[in-house]
Amino acid sequence: MNRLKELREDKDILQKEIAKDLNITQRNYSYFETGKTALTSDILEKIADYYNTSIDYLLYRTDQKKPYPESIMQDKKIRR
């Protein structure tokens, strides 16, 4: 199952509800969920924040739903 759909259904919300919170149309969100449209970095960040998960989880780079600890994120920001 698609991770976006899985996360949305776990929260028991409709596409139009998350689309409204992300300030996009329900159709656009549907296209992201079905893979018809690629997720942009901006939308990925918003969706990860919305679901309290990592972008890596959304992109199937990890199976860990939890976002990275803040300490790891601070280390990455410093190294850039």
C-alpha atoms as a PDB file:
ATOM      1  CA  MET A   1       0.000   0.000   0.000  1.00  0.00           C
ATOM      2  CA  ASN A   2       1.109   3.530  -0.682  1.00  0.00           C
ATOM      3  CA  ARG A   3       2.660   5.144   2.400  1.00  0.00           C
ATOM      4  CA  LEU A   4       0.768   8.399   1.987  1.00  0.00           C
ATOM      5  CA  LYS A   5      -2.527   6.542   1.823  1.00  0.00           C
ATOM      6  CA  GLU A   6      -1.553   4.324   4.747  1.00  0.00           C
ATOM      7  CA  LEU A   7      -0.646   7.313   6.931  1.00  0.00           C
ATOM      8  CA  ARG A   8      -3.827   9.149   5.960  1.00  0.00           C
ATOM      9  CA  GLU A   9      -6.044   6.159   6.665  1.00  0.00           C
ATOM     10  CA  ASP A  10      -4.280   5.532   9.993  1.00  0.00           C
ATOM     11  CA  LYS A  11      -5.349   9.049  11.017  1.00  0.00           C
ATOM     12  CA  ASP A  12      -8.831   8.370   9.620  1.00  0.00           C
ATOM     13  CA  ILE A  13      -8.896  11.551   7.539  1.00  0.00           C
ATOM     14  CA  LEU A  14     -10.021  12.308   4.012  1.00  0.00           C
ATOM     15  CA  GLN A  15      -7.807  13.524   1.193  1.00  0.00           C
ATOM     16  CA  LYS A  16      -9.678  16.822   1.131  1.00  0.00           C
ATOM     17  CA  GLU A  17      -8.884  17.404   4.820  1.00  0.00           C
ATOM     18  CA  ILE A  18      -5.121  17.010   4.470  1.00  0.00           C
ATOM     19  CA  ALA A  19      -5.172  18.871   1.157  1.00  0.00           C
ATOM     20  CA  LYS A  20      -6.811  21.833   2.878  1.00  0.00           C
ATOM     21  CA  ASP A  21      -4.168  21.778   5.646  1.00  0.00           C
ATOM     22  CA  LEU A  22      -1.396  21.622   3.031  1.00  0.00           C
ATOM     23  CA  ASN A  23      -3.024  24.421   1.039  1.00  0.00           C
ATOM     24  CA  ILE A  24      -3.379  22.304  -2.111  1.00  0.00           C
ATOM     25  CA  THR A  25      -6.368  20.825  -3.925  1.00  0.00           C
ATOM     26  CA  GLN A  26      -7.734  17.395  -3.139  1.00  0.00           C
ATOM     27  CA  ARG A  27      -6.960  16.411  -6.726  1.00  0.00           C
ATOM     28  CA  ASN A  28      -3.287  17.356  -6.295  1.00  0.00           C
ATOM     29  CA  TYR A  29      -3.070  15.353  -3.088  1.00  0.00           C
ATOM     30  CA  SER A  30      -4.721  12.419  -4.830  1.00  0.00           C
ATOM     31  CA  TYR A  31      -2.106  12.619  -7.589  1.00  0.00           C
ATOM     32  CA  PHE A  32       0.673  12.550  -4.976  1.00  0.00           C
ATOM     33  CA  GLU A  33      -0.942   9.593  -3.255  1.00  0.00           C
ATOM     34  CA  THR A  34      -1.357   7.601  -6.474  1.00  0.00           C
ATOM     35  CA  GLY A  35       2.053   8.537  -7.838  1.00  0.00           C
ATOM     36  CA  LYS A  36       0.692  10.435 -10.847  1.00  0.00           C
ATOM     37  CA  THR A  37       2.611  13.511  -9.689  1.00  0.00           C
ATOM     38  CA  ALA A  38       6.024  13.481  -8.041  1.00  0.00           C
ATOM     39  CA  LEU A  39       6.277  14.990  -4.588  1.00  0.00           C
ATOM     40  CA  THR A  40       8.222  18.218  -4.449  1.00  0.00           C
ATOM     41  CA  SER A  41      10.636  18.880  -1.608  1.00  0.00           C
ATOM     42  CA  ASP A  42       8.303  21.554  -0.247  1.00  0.00           C
ATOM     43  CA  ILE A  43       5.318  19.198  -0.152  1.00  0.00           C
ATOM     44  CA  LEU A  44       7.422  16.339   1.219  1.00  0.00           C
ATOM     45  CA  GLU A  45       8.485  18.520   4.127  1.00  0.00           C
ATOM     46  CA  LYS A  46       4.916  19.618   4.842  1.00  0.00           C
ATOM     47  CA  ILE A  47       3.572  16.057   4.663  1.00  0.00           C
ATOM     48  CA  ALA A  48       6.345  14.718   6.911  1.00  0.00           C
ATOM     49  CA  ASP A  49       5.560  17.431   9.455  1.00  0.00           C
ATOM     50  CA  TYR A  50       1.820  16.798   9.163  1.00  0.00           C
ATOM     51  CA  TYR A  51       2.197  13.075   9.831  1.00  0.00           C
ATOM     52  CA  ASN A  52       5.107  13.522  12.260  1.00  0.00           C
ATOM     53  CA  THR A  53       7.348  11.231  10.247  1.00  0.00           C
ATOM     54  CA  SER A  54      10.538  11.540   8.227  1.00  0.00           C
ATOM     55  CA  ILE A  55      10.891  12.300   4.550  1.00  0.00           C
ATOM     56  CA  ASP A  56      12.980   9.128   4.319  1.00  0.00           C
ATOM     57  CA  TYR A  57       9.964   7.135   5.492  1.00  0.00           C
ATOM     58  CA  LEU A  58       7.760   8.766   2.865  1.00  0.00           C
ATOM     59  CA  LEU A  59      10.342   7.936   0.184  1.00  0.00           C
ATOM     60  CA  TYR A  60      10.743   4.297   1.335  1.00  0.00           C
ATOM     61  CA  ARG A  61      14.354   4.901   2.419  1.00  0.00           C
ATOM     62  CA  THR A  62      13.532   3.582   5.897  1.00  0.00           C
ATOM     63  CA  ASP A  63      10.770   1.637   7.566  1.00  0.00           C
ATOM     64  CA  GLN A  64      10.967   3.734  10.737  1.00  0.00           C
ATOM     65  CA  LYS A  65       7.914   5.993  10.949  1.00  0.00           C
ATOM     66  CA  LYS A  66       9.277   8.203  13.693  1.00  0.00           C
ATOM     67  CA  PRO A  67      11.037  11.370  12.609  1.00  0.00           C
ATOM     68  CA  TYR A  68      14.713  11.810  13.328  1.00  0.00           C
ATOM     69  CA  PRO A  69      15.587  13.101  16.779  1.00  0.00           C
ATOM     70  CA  GLU A  70      16.219  16.832  16.917  1.00  0.00           C
ATOM     71  CA  SER A  71      19.856  16.222  17.908  1.00  0.00           C
ATOM     72  CA  ILE A  72      20.528  14.411  14.633  1.00  0.00           C
ATOM     73  CA  MET A  73      18.858  17.167  12.637  1.00  0.00           C
ATOM     74  CA  GLN A  74      20.988  19.804  14.387  1.00  0.00           C
ATOM     75  CA  ASP A  75      24.158  17.834  13.540  1.00  0.00           C
ATOM     76  CA  LYS A  76      23.143  17.689   9.878  1.00  0.00           C
ATOM     77  CA  LYS A  77      22.464  21.442   9.772  1.00  0.00           C
ATOM     78  CA  ILE A  78      25.870  22.194  11.260  1.00  0.00           C
ATOM     79  CA  ARG A  79      27.701  20.004   8.725  1.00  0.00           C
ATOM     80  CA  ARG A  80      26.140  21.685   5.685  1.00  0.00           C
END
